[in-house]
């Protein structure tokens, strides 16, 4: 059996190739170049040249043929252009997910097959198996990697059964320290190479500078939203009312509206242990929902749709004139507003994303400011102070019908179906208990606890225990 390894120059794909070679497969390496332009990259040089050099040395060390393919045109058309388009609309895409769907397991895979490969292997930390479906045909399943701190299944959430049928993940059941150990033991040139960061195949970039290749800067206001705004906002009050009405009769207490903050960048992802016995609840959820499934099912399409809508901000600022200084120079200022304040300027709302903290350059606050909404039409950024700001948390999101993707094509949800799954809305986020509701207008995900920074354009991914079964682009 002939296997093509996507050799990137990193330690993970290097060990994947090493293990396949030791297992007796007919292995060859294929390195792909997907990017030439260094505009916006923080190092300012061509990282791919060093990666190719290391990859070639690894292939020589293992004793496998090495090939090179330039997929830059495909990458720009199918990943980067999509990125620019999404950011221009005020949405935040995930290029790594797109790269896997459109490049690694499509354009790259087709190239590997032309070179005679039966399978394509990568260094992703995830696992795959095969079962027989009711029709007697194979069904391919994909699971989280064994290393909870390196699980990369999220990035493969858009793969199809056809793509999975030709995919291999040799290191999915190995933890990262063991991968490093194997690389050092085999004296591979990539053994101590740092993990890549930033946009897939582009590298670590200054995002605004990178996006300014196509999106023009335009100065606009940064508006801080105060808690008082939510006391009078009709949409926020509607969300609170509907969520409260969905509570099970046997659960006491108020519906939580603010997420418990966990730093996903600094704290290792450690999934909580399943309840005693290991089976867990439906879909592997840790607990039964405090919401009533019967009450959720009774919601009309209109009610569900509105429940998934985020709070939008419209704060009018009036000006007044006053005289300043000894010469009583006439000046203009904004009147105090109980709902918010203009606290700074930015270079373009399209360069910011919900939940973002860095890059605002606004001082004078005890706690950090976070982006809670962007308005592309008015070029306004709305921010809130602190992790517990009401604008950072939401309980329900919607995925448009055309964007619902089932990896397990044999178990899709039909309109009217309600299921319990574990869901994450970004990489490295611990899985969250949620109820999925399928309606003609799309998939609605109602979380047991509010989620921080739900971001349109990102992917929501749902798991049955540790099996990834589907995903979709967050519409709102």
Protein backbone atom coordinates (compact mmCIF):
# COMPACT_ATOMS: atom_id res chain seq x y z
CA UNK A 1 0.00 0.00 0.00
CA UNK A 2 1.43 3.36 -1.06
CA UNK A 3 1.07 6.29 1.37
CA UNK A 4 1.88 9.93 0.73
CA UNK A 5 2.86 11.87 3.84
CA UNK A 6 2.27 15.60 3.80
CA UNK A 7 5.71 16.46 5.14
CA UNK A 8 5.72 20.03 6.47
CA UNK A 9 9.13 20.17 8.11
CA UNK A 10 7.59 19.94 11.58
CA UNK A 11 8.10 17.17 14.08
CA UNK A 12 4.53 15.81 13.90
CA UNK A 13 4.48 14.99 10.18
CA UNK A 14 8.07 13.74 10.45
CA UNK A 15 7.16 11.16 13.08
CA UNK A 16 4.03 10.24 11.10
CA UNK A 17 6.30 9.38 8.15
CA UNK A 18 8.72 7.52 10.42
CA UNK A 19 5.98 5.33 11.93
CA UNK A 20 4.48 4.48 8.55
CA UNK A 21 7.88 3.55 7.17
CA UNK A 22 8.53 1.29 10.20
CA UNK A 23 5.10 -0.31 9.74
CA UNK A 24 6.10 -1.47 6.27
CA UNK A 25 4.12 0.93 4.08
CA UNK A 26 5.48 2.17 0.76
CA UNK A 27 5.92 5.79 1.85
CA UNK A 28 6.84 8.94 -0.04
CA UNK A 29 6.89 12.57 1.13
CA UNK A 30 5.22 15.50 -0.58
CA UNK A 31 5.94 19.06 0.55
CA UNK A 32 3.52 21.74 -0.56
CA UNK A 33 4.19 25.43 -0.88
CA UNK A 34 1.06 27.50 -0.43
CA UNK A 35 2.30 31.04 0.08
CA UNK A 36 4.91 33.41 -1.39
CA UNK A 37 3.99 36.87 -0.11
CA UNK A 38 5.65 37.98 3.16
CA UNK A 39 3.46 41.09 3.60
CA UNK A 40 2.35 41.26 7.22
CA UNK A 41 4.44 38.32 8.40
CA UNK A 42 6.20 39.12 11.67
CA UNK A 43 9.50 37.47 10.74
CA UNK A 44 9.62 39.11 7.30
CA UNK A 45 11.19 36.20 5.46
CA UNK A 46 10.06 33.06 3.61
CA UNK A 47 9.41 30.53 6.32
CA UNK A 48 8.46 27.87 3.77
CA UNK A 49 12.03 27.76 2.41
CA UNK A 50 13.42 26.66 5.79
CA UNK A 51 10.52 24.22 6.23
CA UNK A 52 11.21 22.64 2.85
CA UNK A 53 14.90 22.29 3.66
CA UNK A 54 14.12 20.53 6.96
CA UNK A 55 11.45 18.33 5.34
CA UNK A 56 13.88 17.22 2.65
CA UNK A 57 16.49 16.31 5.28
CA UNK A 58 13.85 14.34 7.23
CA UNK A 59 12.85 12.39 4.13
CA UNK A 60 16.51 11.61 3.43
CA UNK A 61 17.04 10.49 7.02
CA UNK A 62 14.01 8.18 6.97
CA UNK A 63 14.87 6.94 3.49
CA UNK A 64 11.77 7.90 1.53
CA UNK A 65 11.34 9.76 -1.80
CA UNK A 66 10.70 13.50 -1.56
CA UNK A 67 8.52 15.55 -3.93
CA UNK A 68 7.47 19.19 -4.06
CA UNK A 69 4.26 20.83 -5.28
CA UNK A 70 3.29 24.52 -5.48
CA UNK A 71 -0.38 25.03 -4.60
CA UNK A 72 -0.15 28.80 -4.07
CA UNK A 73 -2.78 29.68 -6.68
CA UNK A 74 -5.28 27.23 -5.22
CA UNK A 75 -4.57 28.43 -1.69
CA UNK A 76 -5.09 32.07 -2.58
CA UNK A 77 -8.33 31.42 -4.44
CA UNK A 78 -9.87 28.97 -2.00
CA UNK A 79 -8.56 30.14 1.38
CA UNK A 80 -7.07 33.64 1.38
CA UNK A 81 -9.67 35.25 -0.90
CA UNK A 82 -12.37 33.71 1.30
CA UNK A 83 -10.64 35.22 4.34
CA UNK A 84 -10.61 38.70 2.85
CA UNK A 85 -14.26 38.41 1.82
CA UNK A 86 -15.38 37.26 5.28
CA UNK A 87 -13.44 39.98 7.11
CA UNK A 88 -14.88 42.62 4.77
CA UNK A 89 -18.35 41.55 5.96
CA UNK A 90 -17.39 41.79 9.62
CA UNK A 91 -17.12 38.03 10.08
CA UNK A 92 -14.14 36.06 11.38
CA UNK A 93 -13.20 33.02 9.26
CA UNK A 94 -11.00 30.10 10.31
CA UNK A 95 -8.39 29.62 7.55
CA UNK A 96 -6.99 26.42 9.11
CA UNK A 97 -10.35 24.65 8.74
CA UNK A 98 -10.64 25.87 5.15
CA UNK A 99 -7.05 24.85 4.39
CA UNK A 100 -7.75 21.26 5.45
CA UNK A 101 -11.00 21.03 3.53
CA UNK A 102 -9.90 22.82 0.36
CA UNK A 103 -6.14 22.20 0.17
CA UNK A 104 -4.67 19.38 2.26
CA UNK A 105 -7.51 16.93 1.70
CA UNK A 106 -8.53 18.13 -1.76
CA UNK A 107 -5.94 19.82 -4.00
CA UNK A 108 -3.00 18.19 -2.20
CA UNK A 109 -4.73 14.81 -1.97
CA UNK A 110 -5.48 14.83 -5.71
CA UNK A 111 -1.82 15.59 -6.42
CA UNK A 112 -0.75 12.71 -4.17
CA UNK A 113 -3.12 10.33 -5.96
CA UNK A 114 -1.65 11.36 -9.33
CA UNK A 115 1.73 10.33 -7.91
CA UNK A 116 0.32 6.89 -7.14
CA UNK A 117 -0.73 7.22 -3.49
CA UNK A 118 -3.52 5.08 -2.07
CA UNK A 119 -3.72 7.15 1.11
CA UNK A 120 -2.61 10.55 2.39
CA UNK A 121 -1.18 10.81 5.93
CA UNK A 122 -0.74 13.96 8.01
CA UNK A 123 0.61 14.80 11.45
CA UNK A 124 -2.76 15.76 12.93
CA UNK A 125 -3.51 14.73 16.50
CA UNK A 126 -6.79 12.91 15.88
CA UNK A 127 -7.95 9.31 15.40
CA UNK A 128 -9.95 7.55 12.72
CA UNK A 129 -11.73 4.24 12.47
CA UNK A 130 -14.16 2.45 10.15
CA UNK A 131 -17.50 0.79 10.87
CA UNK A 132 -20.12 -0.78 8.64
CA UNK A 133 -23.27 1.22 8.04
CA UNK A 134 -26.84 -0.15 7.83
CA UNK A 135 -26.45 -0.40 4.05
CA UNK A 136 -23.33 -2.52 4.38
CA UNK A 137 -21.05 0.29 3.20
CA UNK A 138 -18.12 1.62 5.25
CA UNK A 139 -18.61 4.63 7.51
CA UNK A 140 -15.49 6.53 8.56
CA UNK A 141 -15.39 8.09 12.00
CA UNK A 142 -13.02 10.69 13.39
CA UNK A 143 -12.18 11.11 17.07
CA UNK A 144 -10.32 13.57 19.25
CA UNK A 145 -6.60 12.89 19.60
CA UNK A 146 -5.39 10.97 22.65
CA UNK A 147 -3.37 13.98 23.83
CA UNK A 148 -6.02 16.36 25.27
CA UNK A 149 -3.65 19.30 24.99
CA UNK A 150 -2.92 18.72 21.30
CA UNK A 151 -6.25 17.45 19.96
CA UNK A 152 -6.63 18.91 16.44
CA UNK A 153 -9.90 17.30 15.38
CA UNK A 154 -11.54 20.76 15.35
CA UNK A 155 -9.47 21.74 12.30
CA UNK A 156 -10.77 18.70 10.40
CA UNK A 157 -14.44 19.41 11.12
CA UNK A 158 -15.35 19.99 7.46
CA UNK A 159 -13.95 16.76 6.01
CA UNK A 160 -16.25 14.47 4.05
CA UNK A 161 -16.58 10.68 4.03
CA UNK A 162 -14.75 10.58 0.68
CA UNK A 163 -11.83 12.59 2.11
CA UNK A 164 -11.71 10.51 5.30
CA UNK A 165 -11.67 7.28 3.31
CA UNK A 166 -8.22 8.23 1.99
CA UNK A 167 -6.83 9.85 5.16
CA UNK A 168 -4.43 8.45 7.76
CA UNK A 169 -3.43 10.00 11.11
CA UNK A 170 -0.48 7.94 12.42
CA UNK A 171 0.20 9.97 15.59
CA UNK A 172 -3.41 10.44 16.74
CA UNK A 173 -3.06 8.00 19.61
CA UNK A 174 0.32 9.35 20.78
CA UNK A 175 0.97 12.25 23.14
CA UNK A 176 3.23 15.11 22.09
CA UNK A 177 6.14 14.34 24.49
CA UNK A 178 6.29 10.82 23.05
CA UNK A 179 6.33 12.23 19.50
CA UNK A 180 9.32 14.40 20.45
CA UNK A 181 11.02 11.41 22.04
CA UNK A 182 10.56 9.27 18.94
CA UNK A 183 11.95 12.06 16.76
CA UNK A 184 15.04 12.49 18.94
CA UNK A 185 15.57 8.73 19.16
CA UNK A 186 15.55 8.56 15.36
CA UNK A 187 17.78 11.67 15.16
CA UNK A 188 15.30 13.47 12.91
CA UNK A 189 16.31 17.06 11.97
CA UNK A 190 12.86 18.30 13.04
CA UNK A 191 13.01 16.77 16.54
CA UNK A 192 13.38 20.09 18.37
CA UNK A 193 11.69 22.34 15.83
CA UNK A 194 9.09 24.62 17.38
CA UNK A 195 5.44 24.13 16.48
CA UNK A 196 4.19 26.44 13.73
CA UNK A 197 1.97 29.38 14.70
CA UNK A 198 -0.34 31.77 12.94
CA UNK A 199 -2.33 31.31 9.75
CA UNK A 200 -1.93 27.91 8.10
CA UNK A 201 0.98 28.11 5.60
CA UNK A 202 1.20 31.91 5.88
CA UNK A 203 2.77 31.96 9.33
CA UNK A 204 2.47 34.34 12.24
CA UNK A 205 1.17 37.64 10.91
CA UNK A 206 0.14 41.09 12.03
CA UNK A 207 -3.47 40.57 10.96
CA UNK A 208 -4.45 44.20 10.26
CA UNK A 209 -1.31 44.67 8.11
CA UNK A 210 -2.03 41.41 6.30
CA UNK A 211 -5.67 42.31 5.67
CA UNK A 212 -4.75 45.79 4.44
CA UNK A 213 -3.52 44.15 1.24
CA UNK A 214 -7.16 44.29 0.16
CA UNK A 215 -9.16 46.02 2.91
CA UNK A 216 -8.61 49.76 3.24
CA UNK A 217 -8.20 51.34 6.70
CA UNK A 218 -10.91 53.81 7.75
CA UNK A 219 -11.01 55.63 11.08
CA UNK A 220 -14.05 55.03 13.25
CA UNK A 221 -15.27 55.25 16.83
CA UNK A 222 -14.69 52.80 19.67
CA UNK A 223 -17.80 52.92 21.85
CA UNK A 224 -17.83 51.49 25.36
CA UNK A 225 -21.21 50.03 26.31
CA UNK A 226 -22.35 50.31 29.93
CA UNK A 227 -24.47 47.77 31.83
CA UNK A 228 -27.37 50.22 31.86
CA UNK A 229 -27.83 49.60 28.14
CA UNK A 230 -28.97 46.03 28.74
CA UNK A 231 -31.59 47.08 31.29
CA UNK A 232 -33.60 48.77 28.54
CA UNK A 233 -32.62 46.77 25.43
CA UNK A 234 -35.61 44.83 24.05
CA UNK A 235 -33.53 41.99 22.57
CA UNK A 236 -31.61 41.35 25.77
CA UNK A 237 -34.82 41.34 27.80
CA UNK A 238 -36.40 38.98 25.25
CA UNK A 239 -33.46 36.53 25.54
CA UNK A 240 -33.68 36.57 29.35
CA UNK A 241 -37.44 35.99 29.21
CA UNK A 242 -37.29 33.08 26.75
CA UNK A 243 -34.37 31.34 28.49
CA UNK A 244 -36.20 31.62 31.83
CA UNK A 245 -39.35 30.14 30.28
CA UNK A 246 -37.41 27.10 29.02
CA UNK A 247 -36.21 25.98 32.44
CA UNK A 248 -37.34 22.60 33.68
CA UNK A 249 -39.89 22.77 36.46
CA UNK A 250 -37.68 20.68 38.76
CA UNK A 251 -34.70 23.06 38.50
CA UNK A 252 -34.63 26.04 40.85
CA UNK A 253 -32.67 29.24 40.47
CA UNK A 254 -32.13 31.81 37.77
CA UNK A 255 -30.85 31.09 34.27
CA UNK A 256 -27.12 31.91 34.04
CA UNK A 257 -26.44 34.79 31.66
CA UNK A 258 -22.69 35.27 32.12
CA UNK A 259 -20.10 32.65 31.17
CA UNK A 260 -17.53 31.37 33.63
CA UNK A 261 -14.23 32.70 32.29
CA UNK A 262 -11.46 30.27 31.37
CA UNK A 263 -8.34 31.35 29.50
CA UNK A 264 -8.10 28.99 26.52
CA UNK A 265 -4.67 30.23 25.53
CA UNK A 266 -2.89 29.81 28.86
CA UNK A 267 -4.71 26.96 30.59
CA UNK A 268 -4.23 23.45 29.16
CA UNK A 269 -7.42 21.92 27.81
CA UNK A 270 -8.43 19.26 30.29
CA UNK A 271 -11.82 17.72 29.64
CA UNK A 272 -13.70 16.89 32.87
CA UNK A 273 -14.05 13.23 33.67
CA UNK A 274 -17.26 11.50 32.67
CA UNK A 275 -19.68 10.59 35.45
CA UNK A 276 -19.00 7.38 37.32
CA UNK A 277 -19.49 4.44 34.98
CA UNK A 278 -18.01 6.33 32.02
CA UNK A 279 -21.12 6.41 29.85
CA UNK A 280 -22.13 9.98 30.54
CA UNK A 281 -25.45 11.40 29.39
CA UNK A 282 -26.76 11.66 25.84
CA UNK A 283 -24.02 12.68 23.42
CA UNK A 284 -21.45 12.40 26.19
CA UNK A 285 -22.81 15.48 27.96
CA UNK A 286 -21.67 15.86 31.53
CA UNK A 287 -25.11 16.73 32.88
CA UNK A 288 -28.77 16.77 31.97
CA UNK A 289 -29.84 20.14 30.68
CA UNK A 290 -31.69 22.51 32.97
CA UNK A 291 -33.81 23.37 29.95
CA UNK A 292 -36.92 21.32 29.16
CA UNK A 293 -36.72 19.45 25.84
CA UNK A 294 -40.53 19.69 25.54
CA UNK A 295 -40.46 23.45 26.00
CA UNK A 296 -37.62 23.78 23.47
CA UNK A 297 -39.56 21.71 20.95
CA UNK A 298 -42.58 23.99 21.41
CA UNK A 299 -40.66 27.10 20.39
CA UNK A 300 -41.81 28.53 17.06
CA UNK A 301 -39.36 29.13 14.23
CA UNK A 302 -39.68 32.87 14.84
CA UNK A 303 -38.93 32.51 18.57
CA UNK A 304 -35.85 30.35 17.97
CA UNK A 305 -34.55 32.68 15.30
CA UNK A 306 -34.88 35.71 17.55
CA UNK A 307 -33.34 33.85 20.50
CA UNK A 308 -30.21 33.28 18.38
CA UNK A 309 -29.88 36.95 17.45
CA UNK A 310 -27.17 38.85 19.36
CA UNK A 311 -27.81 42.16 21.03
CA UNK A 312 -27.11 45.04 18.66
CA UNK A 313 -25.96 48.42 19.87
CA UNK A 314 -27.30 51.80 18.82
CA UNK A 315 -26.21 54.59 21.10
CA UNK A 316 -26.73 58.18 19.99
CA UNK A 317 -24.27 60.79 21.18
CA UNK A 318 -25.31 64.45 21.30
CA UNK A 319 -22.85 67.29 21.36
CA UNK A 320 -22.80 70.52 23.34
CA UNK A 321 -20.68 73.62 23.16
CA UNK A 322 -18.82 75.09 26.11
CA UNK A 323 -16.20 77.74 26.78
CA UNK A 324 -12.76 76.72 28.04
CA UNK A 325 -9.78 78.51 29.52
CA UNK A 326 -9.14 82.14 30.39
CA UNK A 327 -10.00 83.25 26.89
CA UNK A 328 -13.24 81.29 26.95
CA UNK A 329 -12.51 79.53 23.70
CA UNK A 330 -15.65 77.85 22.37
CA UNK A 331 -15.29 74.07 22.14
CA UNK A 332 -17.53 71.11 21.40
CA UNK A 333 -17.87 67.92 23.44
CA UNK A 334 -20.21 64.96 23.72
CA UNK A 335 -22.88 65.05 26.40
CA UNK A 336 -22.73 62.34 29.04
CA UNK A 337 -24.75 59.29 28.03
CA UNK A 338 -25.95 56.69 30.59
CA UNK A 339 -25.60 53.88 28.04
CA UNK A 340 -22.07 54.37 26.76
CA UNK A 341 -19.17 56.58 25.80
CA UNK A 342 -16.84 57.11 22.83
CA UNK A 343 -13.49 56.03 24.30
CA UNK A 344 -11.18 55.92 21.28
CA UNK A 345 -10.59 55.54 17.57
CA UNK A 346 -9.74 52.54 15.39
CA UNK A 347 -8.50 52.01 11.82
CA UNK A 348 -11.33 49.86 10.51
CA UNK A 349 -14.06 47.73 12.10
CA UNK A 350 -13.27 44.88 9.70
CA UNK A 351 -9.90 44.37 11.41
CA UNK A 352 -11.48 43.41 14.74
CA UNK A 353 -13.33 40.37 16.00
CA UNK A 354 -15.74 39.66 18.84
CA UNK A 355 -13.92 38.78 22.05
CA UNK A 356 -10.72 40.55 20.96
CA UNK A 357 -8.77 42.30 23.70
CA UNK A 358 -5.44 43.28 22.15
CA UNK A 359 -4.98 46.16 19.73
CA UNK A 360 -7.65 48.51 21.08
CA UNK A 361 -5.14 50.93 22.67
CA UNK A 362 -7.68 52.41 25.09
CA UNK A 363 -6.52 53.15 28.61
CA UNK A 364 -8.08 54.38 31.83
CA UNK A 365 -9.90 51.17 32.80
CA UNK A 366 -9.45 48.86 35.76
CA UNK A 367 -10.18 45.74 33.69
CA UNK A 368 -9.44 44.92 30.07
CA UNK A 369 -11.78 46.03 27.32
CA UNK A 370 -13.16 43.42 24.93
CA UNK A 371 -14.85 43.79 21.55
CA UNK A 372 -18.50 42.81 21.95
CA UNK A 373 -19.74 43.82 18.48
CA UNK A 374 -18.59 45.39 15.22
CA UNK A 375 -20.79 47.41 12.89
CA UNK A 376 -19.29 47.44 9.40
CA UNK A 377 -22.00 49.77 8.02
CA UNK A 378 -21.18 52.56 10.49
CA UNK A 379 -17.54 51.49 11.00
CA UNK A 380 -18.06 51.31 14.77
CA UNK A 381 -16.53 48.96 17.35
CA UNK A 382 -18.44 48.33 20.55
CA UNK A 383 -16.49 47.25 23.63
CA UNK A 384 -17.23 46.21 27.19
CA UNK A 385 -15.06 46.21 30.31
CA UNK A 386 -14.15 42.93 31.98
CA UNK A 387 -14.69 39.22 31.38
CA UNK A 388 -18.14 39.39 32.98
CA UNK A 389 -19.53 42.09 30.70
CA UNK A 390 -23.03 41.11 29.57
CA UNK A 391 -22.19 41.72 25.91
CA UNK A 392 -19.51 39.00 25.88
CA UNK A 393 -21.87 36.12 26.70
CA UNK A 394 -24.51 34.42 24.58
CA UNK A 395 -26.49 31.20 24.98
CA UNK A 396 -27.80 30.47 21.49
CA UNK A 397 -26.36 30.56 17.97
CA UNK A 398 -27.65 29.72 14.50
CA UNK A 399 -26.09 27.89 11.56
CA UNK A 400 -27.69 28.39 8.13
CA UNK A 401 -29.11 25.22 6.51
CA UNK A 402 -26.56 25.23 3.69
CA UNK A 403 -23.69 25.45 6.20
CA UNK A 404 -24.65 22.43 8.33
CA UNK A 405 -22.09 19.70 7.61
CA UNK A 406 -22.33 16.11 8.83
CA UNK A 407 -19.14 14.08 8.94
CA UNK A 408 -21.39 11.19 9.91
CA UNK A 409 -23.61 11.37 6.85
CA UNK A 410 -25.52 8.33 8.14
CA UNK A 411 -26.95 10.15 11.19
CA UNK A 412 -28.04 13.65 10.08
CA UNK A 413 -30.73 15.56 11.95
CA UNK A 414 -34.01 16.22 10.17
CA UNK A 415 -36.20 19.27 10.74
CA UNK A 416 -37.82 18.93 14.14
CA UNK A 417 -35.08 16.73 15.62
CA UNK A 418 -33.52 17.65 18.97
CA UNK A 419 -30.30 16.06 20.22
CA UNK A 420 -27.78 16.53 22.99
CA UNK A 421 -24.13 16.87 21.96
CA UNK A 422 -20.90 18.36 23.28
CA UNK A 423 -19.88 21.46 21.32
CA UNK A 424 -16.91 23.78 20.92
CA UNK A 425 -16.91 27.09 19.08
CA UNK A 426 -13.14 27.49 18.74
CA UNK A 427 -9.97 25.45 18.94
CA UNK A 428 -8.77 24.54 22.44
CA UNK A 429 -12.10 25.38 24.04
CA UNK A 430 -13.20 22.62 26.42
CA UNK A 431 -16.29 20.85 25.08
CA UNK A 432 -19.57 22.36 26.25
CA UNK A 433 -22.90 20.62 26.90
CA UNK A 434 -25.53 21.81 24.44
CA UNK A 435 -28.87 21.04 22.82
CA UNK A 436 -29.00 21.01 19.02
CA UNK A 437 -32.33 21.89 17.41
CA UNK A 438 -32.86 21.35 13.68
CA UNK A 439 -35.44 23.52 11.92
CA UNK A 440 -36.04 24.48 8.26
CA UNK A 441 -34.24 27.78 8.93
CA UNK A 442 -31.11 25.98 10.09
CA UNK A 443 -29.39 24.46 13.08
CA UNK A 444 -29.80 26.15 16.47
CA UNK A 445 -27.35 25.38 19.28
CA UNK A 446 -28.57 26.18 22.78
CA UNK A 447 -25.78 25.90 25.34
CA UNK A 448 -26.43 24.81 28.91
CA UNK A 449 -24.19 27.67 30.04
CA UNK A 450 -23.59 30.97 28.21
CA UNK A 451 -20.56 31.08 25.92
CA UNK A 452 -17.98 33.82 25.69
CA UNK A 453 -17.31 35.48 22.35
CA UNK A 454 -19.58 33.61 19.93
CA UNK A 455 -18.20 34.82 16.60
CA UNK A 456 -19.95 34.76 13.20
CA UNK A 457 -17.76 33.08 10.57
CA UNK A 458 -16.13 30.68 13.03
CA UNK A 459 -17.05 26.99 13.17
CA UNK A 460 -19.22 25.33 15.78
CA UNK A 461 -18.30 21.64 16.03
CA UNK A 462 -20.34 18.95 17.80
CA UNK A 463 -19.12 15.69 19.33
CA UNK A 464 -20.79 12.51 20.54
CA UNK A 465 -18.49 11.74 23.48
CA UNK A 466 -15.08 12.09 21.74
CA UNK A 467 -16.32 11.39 18.20
CA UNK A 468 -16.64 14.49 16.00
CA UNK A 469 -19.87 14.08 14.06
CA UNK A 470 -20.61 17.46 12.46
CA UNK A 471 -19.92 21.16 12.17
CA UNK A 472 -21.18 24.39 10.72
CA UNK A 473 -20.29 28.05 10.15
CA UNK A 474 -21.76 30.28 12.82
CA UNK A 475 -24.24 32.52 11.01
CA UNK A 476 -24.93 34.74 14.01
